[in-house]
N, C-alpha and C. Protein backbone atom coordinates (compact mmCIF):
# COMPACT_ATOMS: atom_id res chain seq x y z
N MET A 1 23.80 191.75 143.17
CA MET A 1 24.18 192.95 144.17
C MET A 1 25.74 192.50 144.64
N LEU A 2 25.96 191.22 145.01
CA LEU A 2 27.37 190.91 145.12
C LEU A 2 28.31 189.90 144.14
N GLU A 3 29.47 190.55 143.47
CA GLU A 3 29.96 189.46 142.71
C GLU A 3 31.82 189.31 143.39
N VAL A 4 32.04 187.94 143.44
CA VAL A 4 33.39 187.82 144.03
C VAL A 4 34.01 187.12 142.77
N ALA A 5 35.24 187.75 142.27
CA ALA A 5 36.05 187.38 141.17
C ALA A 5 37.49 186.98 141.70
N ASP A 6 37.93 185.61 141.61
CA ASP A 6 39.12 184.75 142.31
C ASP A 6 39.73 185.52 143.20
N LEU A 7 38.85 185.56 144.07
CA LEU A 7 39.54 185.97 145.23
C LEU A 7 40.03 184.81 146.03
N ARG A 8 41.18 185.51 146.57
CA ARG A 8 42.35 184.75 147.44
C ARG A 8 42.57 185.50 148.72
N SER A 9 42.59 184.47 149.86
CA SER A 9 43.23 184.97 150.81
C SER A 9 43.97 184.07 151.86
N ALA A 10 45.24 184.71 152.80
CA ALA A 10 45.96 183.75 153.32
C ALA A 10 45.89 183.95 154.68
N TYR A 11 46.37 182.61 155.31
CA TYR A 11 46.80 182.84 156.85
C TYR A 11 48.16 182.42 156.80
N GLY A 12 49.11 183.83 156.71
CA GLY A 12 50.29 183.49 156.99
C GLY A 12 50.73 182.83 155.54
N ARG A 13 51.24 181.52 154.94
CA ARG A 13 51.63 180.79 154.04
C ARG A 13 50.98 180.02 153.80
N ILE A 14 49.74 179.79 154.85
CA ILE A 14 48.47 178.69 154.23
C ILE A 14 47.40 179.65 153.24
N LEU A 15 47.25 179.11 152.00
CA LEU A 15 46.26 180.03 151.33
C LEU A 15 44.98 179.31 151.68
N ALA A 16 44.19 180.15 152.17
CA ALA A 16 42.55 179.31 152.50
C ALA A 16 41.92 179.27 151.27
N LEU A 17 41.63 180.88 150.59
CA LEU A 17 40.55 181.01 149.65
C LEU A 17 41.65 181.02 147.89
N LYS A 18 41.75 180.10 147.17
CA LYS A 18 42.66 180.04 146.35
C LYS A 18 42.03 180.55 144.63
N GLY A 19 41.12 181.09 144.64
CA GLY A 19 40.30 181.77 143.60
C GLY A 19 38.91 181.61 143.31
N VAL A 20 38.44 182.09 144.43
CA VAL A 20 36.82 181.77 144.63
C VAL A 20 36.16 183.13 143.83
N SER A 21 35.22 182.70 143.13
CA SER A 21 34.30 183.17 142.32
C SER A 21 32.66 183.05 142.54
N LEU A 22 32.26 184.01 142.85
CA LEU A 22 30.49 183.82 142.85
C LEU A 22 29.67 184.88 142.41
N ARG A 23 28.69 184.95 142.65
CA ARG A 23 27.31 185.91 142.83
C ARG A 23 26.22 185.52 143.20
N ALA A 24 25.59 186.81 143.79
CA ALA A 24 24.47 186.56 144.50
C ALA A 24 23.67 187.79 144.19
N GLY A 25 22.50 187.07 143.73
CA GLY A 25 21.35 188.07 143.27
C GLY A 25 20.41 188.86 144.40
N ALA A 26 20.18 190.03 144.15
CA ALA A 26 19.48 191.08 145.11
C ALA A 26 18.19 189.89 145.46
N GLY A 27 18.03 189.81 146.96
CA GLY A 27 16.83 189.49 147.04
C GLY A 27 16.75 188.07 147.45
N GLU A 28 17.85 187.42 147.44
CA GLU A 28 17.98 186.04 146.69
C GLU A 28 18.60 185.56 147.86
N ILE A 29 18.43 183.90 148.49
CA ILE A 29 19.29 183.35 149.23
C ILE A 29 20.40 182.61 148.52
N THR A 30 21.46 182.77 148.99
CA THR A 30 22.80 181.99 148.21
C THR A 30 23.28 181.16 149.35
N ALA A 31 23.29 179.73 148.90
CA ALA A 31 24.35 179.14 149.69
C ALA A 31 25.52 179.10 149.35
N ILE A 32 26.31 178.78 150.79
CA ILE A 32 27.78 178.16 150.39
C ILE A 32 27.91 177.05 151.22
N VAL A 33 28.20 175.87 150.61
CA VAL A 33 28.34 174.69 151.69
C VAL A 33 29.80 174.32 151.34
N GLY A 34 30.04 173.21 152.41
CA GLY A 34 31.14 172.39 152.44
C GLY A 34 31.64 171.96 153.89
N GLY A 35 32.71 171.05 153.33
CA GLY A 35 33.47 170.58 154.93
C GLY A 35 34.04 171.60 155.54
N ASN A 36 34.44 171.03 156.55
CA ASN A 36 35.43 171.83 157.55
C ASN A 36 36.55 172.18 157.09
N GLY A 37 37.09 173.35 157.27
CA GLY A 37 38.20 173.69 156.45
C GLY A 37 38.10 174.07 155.13
N ALA A 38 37.01 173.98 154.41
CA ALA A 38 37.05 174.44 152.88
C ALA A 38 37.29 175.79 152.69
N GLY A 39 37.04 176.56 153.55
CA GLY A 39 37.20 178.20 153.21
C GLY A 39 35.82 178.92 153.52
N LYS A 40 35.05 178.27 154.00
CA LYS A 40 33.22 179.21 154.28
C LYS A 40 33.86 180.32 154.83
N THR A 41 34.26 180.17 156.10
CA THR A 41 34.13 181.18 157.22
C THR A 41 35.18 182.04 156.66
N THR A 42 36.30 181.74 155.97
CA THR A 42 37.38 182.79 155.67
C THR A 42 36.54 183.59 154.62
N LEU A 43 35.78 182.92 153.84
CA LEU A 43 35.09 183.80 152.58
C LEU A 43 33.97 184.99 153.03
N LEU A 44 33.46 184.33 154.14
CA LEU A 44 32.75 185.37 154.68
C LEU A 44 33.26 186.69 155.60
N ARG A 45 34.16 186.60 156.20
CA ARG A 45 35.43 187.33 157.07
C ARG A 45 35.88 188.31 155.76
N CYS A 46 36.26 187.50 154.56
CA CYS A 46 36.64 188.65 153.27
C CYS A 46 35.64 189.30 153.08
N LEU A 47 34.33 188.97 152.76
CA LEU A 47 32.97 189.69 152.51
C LEU A 47 32.94 190.95 153.36
N SER A 48 33.28 190.44 154.69
CA SER A 48 32.59 191.61 155.70
C SER A 48 33.60 192.46 156.04
N GLY A 49 34.88 192.17 155.68
CA GLY A 49 36.16 193.36 155.65
C GLY A 49 36.86 192.82 157.06
N VAL A 50 36.77 191.76 157.41
CA VAL A 50 37.70 191.51 158.75
C VAL A 50 38.94 190.75 158.47
N GLN A 51 38.82 189.92 157.41
CA GLN A 51 39.80 189.14 156.95
C GLN A 51 40.70 189.67 155.81
N PRO A 52 41.77 190.27 155.69
CA PRO A 52 42.52 190.49 154.38
C PRO A 52 42.40 189.97 153.19
N VAL A 53 42.11 190.47 152.25
CA VAL A 53 41.84 189.80 150.89
C VAL A 53 43.63 189.79 150.20
N SER A 54 44.19 188.84 149.48
CA SER A 54 45.30 189.18 148.72
C SER A 54 45.55 188.72 147.47
N GLY A 55 44.13 188.73 146.92
CA GLY A 55 43.80 188.88 145.38
C GLY A 55 42.41 189.09 144.81
N GLY A 56 42.29 189.30 144.13
CA GLY A 56 40.65 188.89 143.29
C GLY A 56 40.12 190.33 143.72
N ARG A 57 39.08 190.12 143.66
CA ARG A 57 37.75 191.49 143.67
C ARG A 57 36.50 191.16 144.12
N ILE A 58 36.25 191.87 144.72
CA ILE A 58 34.82 192.26 145.57
C ILE A 58 33.93 193.16 145.25
N SER A 59 32.80 192.86 144.50
CA SER A 59 31.79 193.91 143.78
C SER A 59 30.71 194.18 144.48
N TYR A 60 30.22 195.02 144.89
CA TYR A 60 28.94 195.06 145.81
C TYR A 60 28.43 196.17 145.53
N ASP A 61 26.81 195.97 144.77
CA ASP A 61 26.22 196.94 144.26
C ASP A 61 26.62 197.75 143.48
N GLY A 62 27.72 197.09 142.13
CA GLY A 62 28.37 197.70 141.53
C GLY A 62 29.78 198.56 141.32
N ALA A 63 29.90 198.72 143.00
CA ALA A 63 31.09 199.17 143.58
C ALA A 63 32.23 198.31 143.98
N ASP A 64 33.57 198.58 143.74
CA ASP A 64 34.76 197.68 144.20
C ASP A 64 35.05 197.62 145.81
N ILE A 65 34.66 197.14 146.66
CA ILE A 65 34.81 197.23 147.99
C ILE A 65 36.12 196.43 148.71
N THR A 66 36.67 195.76 147.77
CA THR A 66 37.79 194.87 148.24
C THR A 66 38.63 194.90 149.27
N HIS A 67 39.02 196.34 149.54
CA HIS A 67 39.93 196.87 150.49
C HIS A 67 39.03 197.83 150.98
N LEU A 68 37.82 197.90 150.75
CA LEU A 68 37.02 198.79 152.20
C LEU A 68 36.96 198.29 153.52
N SER A 69 37.20 199.34 154.38
CA SER A 69 37.12 199.20 155.80
C SER A 69 36.17 198.17 156.22
N ALA A 70 35.76 197.54 157.04
CA ALA A 70 34.84 196.67 157.97
C ALA A 70 33.73 197.53 158.18
N HIS A 71 33.61 198.79 158.82
CA HIS A 71 32.83 199.62 159.22
C HIS A 71 32.18 200.58 158.35
N ARG A 72 32.86 200.38 157.15
CA ARG A 72 32.50 201.57 156.08
C ARG A 72 31.61 200.35 155.23
N ARG A 73 31.67 199.18 155.45
CA ARG A 73 31.02 197.98 154.69
C ARG A 73 29.57 197.74 155.39
N VAL A 74 29.63 197.98 156.93
CA VAL A 74 28.40 198.16 157.48
C VAL A 74 27.72 199.52 157.10
N ALA A 75 28.13 200.19 156.60
CA ALA A 75 27.39 201.66 156.47
C ALA A 75 26.67 201.58 154.97
N ALA A 76 27.66 200.56 153.97
CA ALA A 76 26.93 200.63 152.76
C ALA A 76 26.05 199.46 152.85
N GLY A 77 25.33 198.63 154.28
CA GLY A 77 24.65 197.70 154.18
C GLY A 77 24.95 196.31 154.27
N ILE A 78 26.22 196.06 154.58
CA ILE A 78 26.44 194.60 155.05
C ILE A 78 26.86 194.39 156.07
N ALA A 79 26.01 193.03 156.69
CA ALA A 79 25.89 193.30 157.89
C ALA A 79 26.58 191.14 158.24
N GLN A 80 27.43 191.11 159.27
CA GLN A 80 27.54 189.47 159.43
C GLN A 80 26.70 188.92 161.06
N SER A 81 26.60 188.05 160.52
CA SER A 81 26.25 187.30 162.26
C SER A 81 27.22 185.88 162.09
N PRO A 82 28.11 186.04 162.82
CA PRO A 82 29.44 185.18 162.83
C PRO A 82 29.30 183.75 163.12
N GLU A 83 30.05 182.82 162.69
CA GLU A 83 30.16 181.58 163.50
C GLU A 83 30.42 181.53 165.22
N GLY A 84 29.30 180.86 165.87
CA GLY A 84 29.68 180.49 167.23
C GLY A 84 29.05 181.31 168.03
N ARG A 85 28.05 182.72 167.22
CA ARG A 85 27.37 183.38 167.83
C ARG A 85 28.04 184.52 168.38
N GLN A 86 28.88 184.43 169.34
CA GLN A 86 29.65 185.58 169.66
C GLN A 86 29.03 186.50 170.43
N VAL A 87 27.70 186.35 171.11
CA VAL A 87 26.98 187.26 171.87
C VAL A 87 27.91 188.01 172.92
N PHE A 88 27.46 189.28 173.46
CA PHE A 88 28.06 189.74 174.77
C PHE A 88 27.78 189.30 175.85
N GLY A 89 28.03 187.82 176.51
CA GLY A 89 27.34 187.30 177.70
C GLY A 89 26.79 188.24 178.71
N PRO A 90 27.62 189.04 179.43
CA PRO A 90 27.43 189.85 180.67
C PRO A 90 26.29 190.76 180.39
N LEU A 91 26.02 191.25 179.05
CA LEU A 91 25.14 192.36 178.75
C LEU A 91 23.71 191.96 178.19
N SER A 92 22.69 192.71 178.77
CA SER A 92 21.37 192.38 178.47
C SER A 92 21.21 192.24 176.80
N VAL A 93 20.15 191.33 176.69
CA VAL A 93 19.67 190.78 175.66
C VAL A 93 19.51 192.22 174.70
N GLU A 94 18.73 192.85 175.21
CA GLU A 94 18.53 194.47 174.74
C GLU A 94 19.86 195.15 174.14
N ASP A 95 20.58 195.31 175.15
CA ASP A 95 21.89 195.93 174.66
C ASP A 95 22.59 195.27 173.67
N ASN A 96 22.40 194.06 173.69
CA ASN A 96 23.40 193.38 172.47
C ASN A 96 22.75 193.82 171.03
N LEU A 97 21.67 193.94 171.08
CA LEU A 97 20.88 194.13 170.06
C LEU A 97 21.06 195.71 169.86
N ARG A 98 21.30 196.53 170.99
CA ARG A 98 21.50 198.09 170.50
C ARG A 98 22.80 198.29 169.78
N LEU A 99 23.69 197.22 170.43
CA LEU A 99 25.19 197.53 169.56
C LEU A 99 25.39 197.20 168.58
N GLY A 100 24.22 196.34 167.69
CA GLY A 100 24.02 196.14 166.27
C GLY A 100 23.39 197.41 165.78
N ALA A 101 23.06 198.24 166.44
CA ALA A 101 22.40 199.71 165.62
C ALA A 101 23.39 200.70 166.04
N PHE A 102 25.04 200.70 166.00
CA PHE A 102 25.41 201.80 166.56
C PHE A 102 25.60 203.03 165.42
N ARG A 103 25.51 202.71 164.26
CA ARG A 103 24.98 203.64 163.36
C ARG A 103 24.11 204.53 163.24
N ARG A 104 22.89 203.89 163.83
CA ARG A 104 21.70 204.22 163.82
C ARG A 104 20.99 205.34 164.78
N GLY A 105 20.12 206.14 164.25
CA GLY A 105 19.68 207.36 165.35
C GLY A 105 18.50 206.39 166.14
N ARG A 106 18.34 207.04 167.10
CA ARG A 106 17.17 206.49 168.47
C ARG A 106 15.85 206.03 167.69
N SER A 107 15.28 206.84 166.64
CA SER A 107 13.82 206.40 166.13
C SER A 107 14.29 204.97 165.38
N GLU A 108 15.40 205.26 164.73
CA GLU A 108 15.73 203.71 163.72
C GLU A 108 15.93 202.58 165.06
N THR A 109 16.89 202.67 165.77
CA THR A 109 17.08 201.63 166.66
C THR A 109 15.56 201.31 167.26
N ALA A 110 15.06 202.03 167.85
CA ALA A 110 13.56 201.73 168.31
C ALA A 110 12.88 200.53 167.47
N ASP A 111 13.07 201.44 166.26
CA ASP A 111 12.27 200.50 164.99
C ASP A 111 12.48 199.07 164.78
N GLY A 112 14.08 199.21 164.85
CA GLY A 112 15.15 197.75 164.73
C GLY A 112 14.68 196.73 165.69
N LEU A 113 14.47 197.47 166.88
CA LEU A 113 14.19 196.28 167.99
C LEU A 113 12.73 196.03 167.92
N GLU A 114 11.81 196.38 167.61
CA GLU A 114 10.38 195.95 167.10
C GLU A 114 10.30 195.12 166.24
N ARG A 115 11.26 195.56 165.25
CA ARG A 115 11.43 194.63 164.13
C ARG A 115 11.90 192.86 164.28
N VAL A 116 13.10 193.06 165.01
CA VAL A 116 13.56 191.61 165.52
C VAL A 116 12.86 191.01 166.68
N PHE A 117 12.26 191.82 167.40
CA PHE A 117 11.15 191.01 168.71
C PHE A 117 10.30 190.62 167.85
N ALA A 118 9.81 191.02 166.80
CA ALA A 118 8.44 190.56 166.23
C ALA A 118 9.01 189.07 165.40
N MET A 119 10.43 189.15 165.21
CA MET A 119 10.57 188.03 164.23
C MET A 119 11.02 186.73 165.32
N PHE A 120 11.67 187.29 166.56
CA PHE A 120 12.18 186.21 167.38
C PHE A 120 11.54 186.66 168.66
N PRO A 121 9.99 186.65 169.31
CA PRO A 121 9.38 187.08 170.33
C PRO A 121 9.96 186.45 171.74
N ILE A 122 10.89 185.52 171.72
CA ILE A 122 11.57 185.30 172.76
C ILE A 122 12.58 186.08 173.68
N LEU A 123 13.29 186.98 172.47
CA LEU A 123 13.73 187.60 172.92
C LEU A 123 13.48 189.12 173.57
N ARG A 124 11.90 189.11 173.10
CA ARG A 124 11.52 190.55 173.64
C ARG A 124 11.38 189.82 175.42
N GLU A 125 10.56 188.60 175.46
CA GLU A 125 10.59 188.16 176.90
C GLU A 125 11.53 188.13 177.59
N LYS A 126 13.03 188.06 177.10
CA LYS A 126 14.11 188.06 177.83
C LYS A 126 14.86 188.89 177.44
N ARG A 127 14.47 190.52 177.14
CA ARG A 127 15.42 191.37 176.48
C ARG A 127 15.85 192.03 177.70
N ALA A 128 15.77 192.01 179.23
CA ALA A 128 16.47 192.24 180.16
C ALA A 128 17.55 191.48 180.93
N LEU A 129 17.23 189.94 180.39
CA LEU A 129 18.61 189.34 180.90
C LEU A 129 19.90 189.11 180.35
N PRO A 130 21.00 188.70 181.30
CA PRO A 130 21.98 188.86 180.35
C PRO A 130 22.00 187.50 179.29
N ALA A 131 22.61 187.81 177.98
CA ALA A 131 22.73 186.95 177.15
C ALA A 131 23.31 185.76 177.30
N ALA A 132 24.14 185.65 178.09
CA ALA A 132 24.86 184.66 178.88
C ALA A 132 23.97 183.38 179.07
N GLY A 133 22.71 183.50 179.45
CA GLY A 133 21.67 182.65 180.00
C GLY A 133 20.73 182.53 179.09
N LEU A 134 20.97 182.71 177.82
CA LEU A 134 20.32 182.13 176.48
C LEU A 134 20.33 180.73 176.12
N SER A 135 19.69 180.12 175.74
CA SER A 135 19.96 178.73 175.26
C SER A 135 20.86 179.10 173.68
N GLY A 136 21.41 177.98 173.25
CA GLY A 136 22.28 178.03 172.01
C GLY A 136 20.94 178.89 170.91
N GLY A 137 20.14 178.00 170.71
CA GLY A 137 18.93 178.29 170.18
C GLY A 137 19.08 180.43 169.86
N GLN A 138 18.63 180.42 170.99
CA GLN A 138 17.93 181.74 171.53
C GLN A 138 19.19 182.68 171.42
N GLN A 139 20.69 182.49 171.48
CA GLN A 139 21.62 183.01 171.33
C GLN A 139 22.02 183.57 169.79
N GLN A 140 21.58 182.23 168.89
CA GLN A 140 21.58 182.29 167.74
C GLN A 140 20.59 183.05 167.10
N MET A 141 19.54 183.43 167.54
CA MET A 141 18.34 184.42 167.32
C MET A 141 18.85 185.80 167.79
N LEU A 142 19.71 185.96 168.68
CA LEU A 142 20.30 187.06 169.25
C LEU A 142 21.20 187.76 168.13
N ALA A 143 21.95 186.67 167.82
CA ALA A 143 23.29 187.25 167.05
C ALA A 143 22.48 187.37 165.56
N ILE A 144 21.57 186.94 165.02
CA ILE A 144 21.15 187.37 163.84
C ILE A 144 20.32 188.29 164.10
N GLY A 145 19.82 188.73 165.29
CA GLY A 145 18.91 189.89 165.40
C GLY A 145 19.92 191.28 165.25
N ARG A 146 21.18 191.03 165.94
CA ARG A 146 22.13 192.38 166.37
C ARG A 146 22.29 192.53 164.73
N ALA A 147 22.96 191.69 163.77
CA ALA A 147 23.01 191.73 162.63
C ALA A 147 22.03 192.57 161.92
N LEU A 148 20.98 192.35 162.17
CA LEU A 148 19.62 192.82 161.46
C LEU A 148 19.50 194.10 161.97
N MET A 149 19.99 194.80 163.12
CA MET A 149 20.06 196.20 163.96
C MET A 149 20.40 197.10 163.15
N SER A 150 21.31 196.52 162.13
CA SER A 150 21.93 197.87 161.21
C SER A 150 21.28 197.78 159.92
N ARG A 151 20.29 197.34 159.95
CA ARG A 151 19.17 197.22 158.72
C ARG A 151 20.05 197.01 157.57
N PRO A 152 20.98 195.74 157.38
CA PRO A 152 21.69 195.42 156.01
C PRO A 152 20.56 194.93 154.95
N ARG A 153 21.34 195.42 153.77
CA ARG A 153 20.77 194.78 152.23
C ARG A 153 21.61 193.51 152.00
N LEU A 154 22.73 193.31 152.76
CA LEU A 154 23.23 191.99 152.42
C LEU A 154 23.69 191.49 153.83
N LEU A 155 23.02 190.33 154.08
CA LEU A 155 23.11 189.64 155.55
C LEU A 155 24.03 188.50 155.35
N LEU A 156 25.37 188.48 155.86
CA LEU A 156 26.26 187.34 155.81
C LEU A 156 26.10 186.49 157.13
N LEU A 157 25.48 184.94 156.93
CA LEU A 157 24.69 183.98 158.39
C LEU A 157 26.11 183.02 158.26
N ASP A 158 27.09 183.03 158.96
CA ASP A 158 27.86 181.91 159.05
C ASP A 158 27.63 180.85 160.20
N GLU A 159 27.22 179.84 159.61
CA GLU A 159 26.70 178.33 160.34
C GLU A 159 25.52 178.52 161.27
N PRO A 160 24.45 179.23 160.93
CA PRO A 160 23.52 179.43 161.92
C PRO A 160 22.75 178.44 162.68
N SER A 161 23.00 177.13 161.87
CA SER A 161 22.56 176.23 162.62
C SER A 161 23.16 175.47 163.25
N MET A 162 24.54 175.88 163.62
CA MET A 162 25.34 174.45 164.59
C MET A 162 24.98 174.22 165.53
N GLY A 163 24.80 173.06 166.46
CA GLY A 163 24.85 172.92 167.37
C GLY A 163 23.30 172.99 167.92
N LEU A 164 22.35 173.24 166.88
CA LEU A 164 20.91 173.73 167.10
C LEU A 164 19.96 172.14 167.10
N ALA A 165 19.01 172.08 167.91
CA ALA A 165 18.28 170.70 167.96
C ALA A 165 17.50 171.32 166.35
N PRO A 166 16.89 169.89 165.69
CA PRO A 166 16.30 170.11 164.45
C PRO A 166 14.86 171.23 164.08
N VAL A 167 14.54 170.97 165.55
CA VAL A 167 13.18 172.13 165.37
C VAL A 167 13.50 173.67 165.42
N LEU A 168 14.74 173.78 166.00
CA LEU A 168 15.32 175.14 166.27
C LEU A 168 16.06 175.67 164.43
N VAL A 169 16.47 174.30 164.31
CA VAL A 169 17.32 174.65 162.70
C VAL A 169 15.80 175.31 161.74
N ASP A 170 14.94 174.66 162.04
CA ASP A 170 13.51 175.18 161.30
C ASP A 170 13.42 176.21 161.65
N GLN A 171 13.25 176.87 162.79
CA GLN A 171 13.06 178.19 163.26
C GLN A 171 13.94 179.22 162.44
N ILE A 172 15.39 178.69 162.92
CA ILE A 172 16.04 179.73 162.06
C ILE A 172 16.16 179.83 160.57
N LEU A 173 15.98 178.61 159.88
CA LEU A 173 15.63 179.00 158.16
C LEU A 173 14.47 179.83 157.86
N ASP A 174 13.28 179.45 158.58
CA ASP A 174 12.13 180.07 158.65
C ASP A 174 12.39 181.46 158.23
N ALA A 175 13.19 182.04 159.55
CA ALA A 175 13.44 183.43 159.32
C ALA A 175 14.36 184.01 158.49
N VAL A 176 15.28 183.11 157.81
CA VAL A 176 16.00 183.30 156.80
C VAL A 176 15.28 183.38 155.56
N VAL A 177 14.17 182.62 154.90
CA VAL A 177 13.24 182.97 154.15
C VAL A 177 12.19 184.37 154.24
N ALA A 178 12.02 184.38 155.34
CA ALA A 178 11.26 185.61 155.77
C ALA A 178 12.28 186.83 155.38
N LEU A 179 13.11 186.86 155.84
CA LEU A 179 14.15 187.99 155.27
C LEU A 179 14.40 188.45 154.17
N ARG A 180 14.21 186.89 153.27
CA ARG A 180 14.13 187.11 151.62
C ARG A 180 12.85 187.79 151.42
N ARG A 181 11.87 187.49 151.72
CA ARG A 181 10.42 187.95 151.64
C ARG A 181 10.63 189.52 151.97
N ASP A 182 11.45 189.97 152.71
CA ASP A 182 11.58 191.23 153.12
C ASP A 182 12.64 191.87 152.24
N GLY A 183 13.02 191.36 151.27
CA GLY A 183 14.11 192.26 150.27
C GLY A 183 15.37 192.21 150.37
N VAL A 184 15.95 191.47 151.77
CA VAL A 184 17.45 191.20 152.17
C VAL A 184 17.85 190.48 151.54
N THR A 185 19.09 190.54 150.71
CA THR A 185 20.07 189.51 150.27
C THR A 185 21.04 188.51 151.52
N VAL A 186 20.71 187.24 151.12
CA VAL A 186 21.27 186.57 152.34
C VAL A 186 22.18 185.51 151.47
N LEU A 187 23.61 185.72 152.23
CA LEU A 187 24.44 185.04 151.84
C LEU A 187 24.63 183.85 153.06
N LEU A 188 24.15 182.54 152.61
CA LEU A 188 24.21 181.88 153.76
C LEU A 188 25.59 180.44 153.98
N VAL A 189 26.19 180.59 154.78
CA VAL A 189 27.47 179.42 155.07
C VAL A 189 26.57 178.22 155.99
N GLU A 190 26.69 177.26 155.56
CA GLU A 190 26.26 175.98 156.32
C GLU A 190 26.92 174.87 156.13
N GLN A 191 27.14 173.82 157.12
CA GLN A 191 27.25 172.66 156.96
C GLN A 191 26.55 171.77 156.80
N ASN A 192 25.47 172.20 157.10
CA ASN A 192 23.96 171.38 157.16
C ASN A 192 23.66 171.72 155.52
N ALA A 193 24.20 170.94 154.60
CA ALA A 193 24.09 171.28 153.17
C ALA A 193 22.55 171.35 153.29
N SER A 194 21.80 170.06 152.88
CA SER A 194 20.76 169.97 152.71
C SER A 194 19.43 170.78 152.85
N ALA A 195 19.63 171.43 154.35
CA ALA A 195 19.25 172.12 154.81
C ALA A 195 19.21 173.63 153.96
N ALA A 196 20.03 173.86 154.02
CA ALA A 196 20.88 174.99 153.14
C ALA A 196 20.34 174.89 151.83
N LEU A 197 20.38 174.10 151.51
CA LEU A 197 20.16 173.95 149.81
C LEU A 197 18.56 174.14 149.44
N ALA A 198 17.98 173.52 150.47
CA ALA A 198 16.82 173.57 150.29
C ALA A 198 15.55 174.55 149.91
N VAL A 199 16.56 175.58 151.09
CA VAL A 199 15.96 176.97 150.62
C VAL A 199 16.88 178.13 149.93
N ALA A 200 17.67 177.31 149.26
CA ALA A 200 18.51 178.81 148.81
C ALA A 200 18.06 178.70 147.30
N ASP A 201 18.44 179.97 146.49
CA ASP A 201 18.16 180.38 145.20
C ASP A 201 19.04 179.39 144.39
N ARG A 202 20.36 179.90 144.89
CA ARG A 202 21.07 179.42 144.26
C ARG A 202 22.29 178.84 145.35
N GLY A 203 23.50 178.08 144.99
CA GLY A 203 24.15 177.02 145.55
C GLY A 203 25.77 177.20 145.11
N TYR A 204 26.71 177.31 146.38
CA TYR A 204 27.78 176.76 145.72
C TYR A 204 28.62 175.85 146.52
N VAL A 205 28.78 175.29 146.21
CA VAL A 205 30.17 174.03 147.06
C VAL A 205 31.57 174.44 146.89
N ILE A 206 32.16 174.74 148.27
CA ILE A 206 33.35 175.15 148.05
C ILE A 206 34.25 173.87 148.97
N GLU A 207 35.49 173.45 148.24
CA GLU A 207 36.03 172.25 148.51
C GLU A 207 37.69 172.85 148.46
N THR A 208 38.62 172.72 149.76
CA THR A 208 39.54 173.25 149.50
C THR A 208 40.11 174.62 149.28
N GLY A 209 39.29 175.89 149.56
CA GLY A 209 39.43 177.07 149.07
C GLY A 209 39.04 177.48 147.72
N ARG A 210 38.57 176.45 146.99
CA ARG A 210 38.04 176.18 145.64
C ARG A 210 36.44 175.97 145.43
N ILE A 211 35.71 176.93 144.20
CA ILE A 211 34.31 176.29 144.13
C ILE A 211 34.77 175.08 143.41
N ALA A 212 33.84 174.09 143.55
CA ALA A 212 34.01 172.86 143.12
C ALA A 212 32.38 172.21 142.18
N HIS A 213 31.22 172.83 142.75
CA HIS A 213 30.09 172.73 142.25
C HIS A 213 29.20 173.96 142.41
N GLU A 214 28.60 174.52 141.23
CA GLU A 214 27.20 175.42 141.41
C GLU A 214 26.58 175.51 140.39
N GLY A 215 25.47 175.85 141.29
CA GLY A 215 23.81 175.92 140.61
C GLY A 215 22.68 176.29 141.36
N THR A 216 21.41 176.24 140.67
CA THR A 216 20.30 176.31 141.58
C THR A 216 20.03 175.55 143.09
N GLY A 217 19.82 175.96 143.84
CA GLY A 217 19.66 175.16 145.10
C GLY A 217 18.98 173.70 144.84
N ARG A 218 18.01 174.07 143.84
CA ARG A 218 17.26 172.30 143.74
C ARG A 218 18.09 171.99 143.23
N ALA A 219 18.91 172.49 141.77
CA ALA A 219 19.95 171.43 140.98
C ALA A 219 21.29 170.81 141.86
N LEU A 220 21.70 171.48 142.93
CA LEU A 220 22.86 170.77 143.68
C LEU A 220 21.96 169.72 144.33
N LEU A 221 20.74 170.33 145.07
CA LEU A 221 20.36 169.29 145.91
C LEU A 221 20.00 167.93 145.47
N HIS A 222 19.86 167.73 144.32
CA HIS A 222 19.41 166.54 143.78
C HIS A 222 20.70 166.10 142.50
N ASP A 223 21.94 166.89 142.52
CA ASP A 223 23.43 166.58 141.95
C ASP A 223 23.66 165.28 142.63
N PRO A 224 24.19 164.17 142.00
CA PRO A 224 24.72 163.07 142.57
C PRO A 224 25.88 163.05 143.17
N ALA A 225 27.03 163.79 142.67
CA ALA A 225 28.20 164.05 143.60
C ALA A 225 27.78 164.75 144.71
N VAL A 226 26.82 165.95 144.47
CA VAL A 226 26.86 166.80 145.70
C VAL A 226 26.25 165.78 147.05
N ARG A 227 24.95 165.16 146.54
CA ARG A 227 24.60 164.05 147.60
C ARG A 227 25.60 163.23 148.43
N GLU A 228 26.10 162.58 147.11
CA GLU A 228 27.25 161.50 148.26
C GLU A 228 28.23 162.27 148.65
N ALA A 229 28.65 163.24 148.44
CA ALA A 229 29.96 163.66 149.25
C ALA A 229 29.46 164.85 150.32
N TYR A 230 28.38 165.56 150.09
CA TYR A 230 27.81 166.30 151.26
C TYR A 230 26.58 166.12 151.65
N LEU A 231 25.77 165.10 151.44
CA LEU A 231 24.49 164.96 151.75
C LEU A 231 24.06 163.54 152.47
N GLY A 232 25.30 162.75 152.22
CA GLY A 232 25.27 161.47 153.06
C GLY A 232 24.08 160.55 152.24
N VAL A 233 23.61 160.74 151.25
CA VAL A 233 23.09 159.98 150.18
C VAL A 233 23.70 159.17 149.20
């Protein structure tokens, strides 16, 4: 579904991505792991269209979308849940979700709400409350739910486990696995490498803007170099 070839992107004179190439198969979870400043978030921002690309190519479902605007990528079926959740605190939980469905009709929006509430029942309970009053884990569920409201075929998840207790990390990753069963392709960026690779069909390790290792999630999980550098083993 997604193919990235020699992708480069910069912040001023600082090159953040230095020729990244990867593939994500339809209906699979692909994990991108690496340390702080490795380029993980920049990669997702390039894929969602909010970060300019200075070189290379992004192919989605056979079409070149390298320079396609962000809102047209949403229309094509790509959605992102950003790092840090970035929910709209003063707005209610339900209004946050409805904002994710801005391209959908009334019936599709209602169906989307039911789908999100079925996946994260706590959001149904708190649907009328301001998003700012949610716990960190609940805000993460809300951010993922908001992205799902656009009914994406490709979901970009940026650090969904950041700052969460282990039991909440498990809940979030269980939801990611459930999305795969529903046919959603997931690109999962995580510092929690062991958790991400454990659920991933394929994984990539990114270091200073370049892909350093790649393979199946299981293979990377047991790769001695990856284990020493990223899994603390």
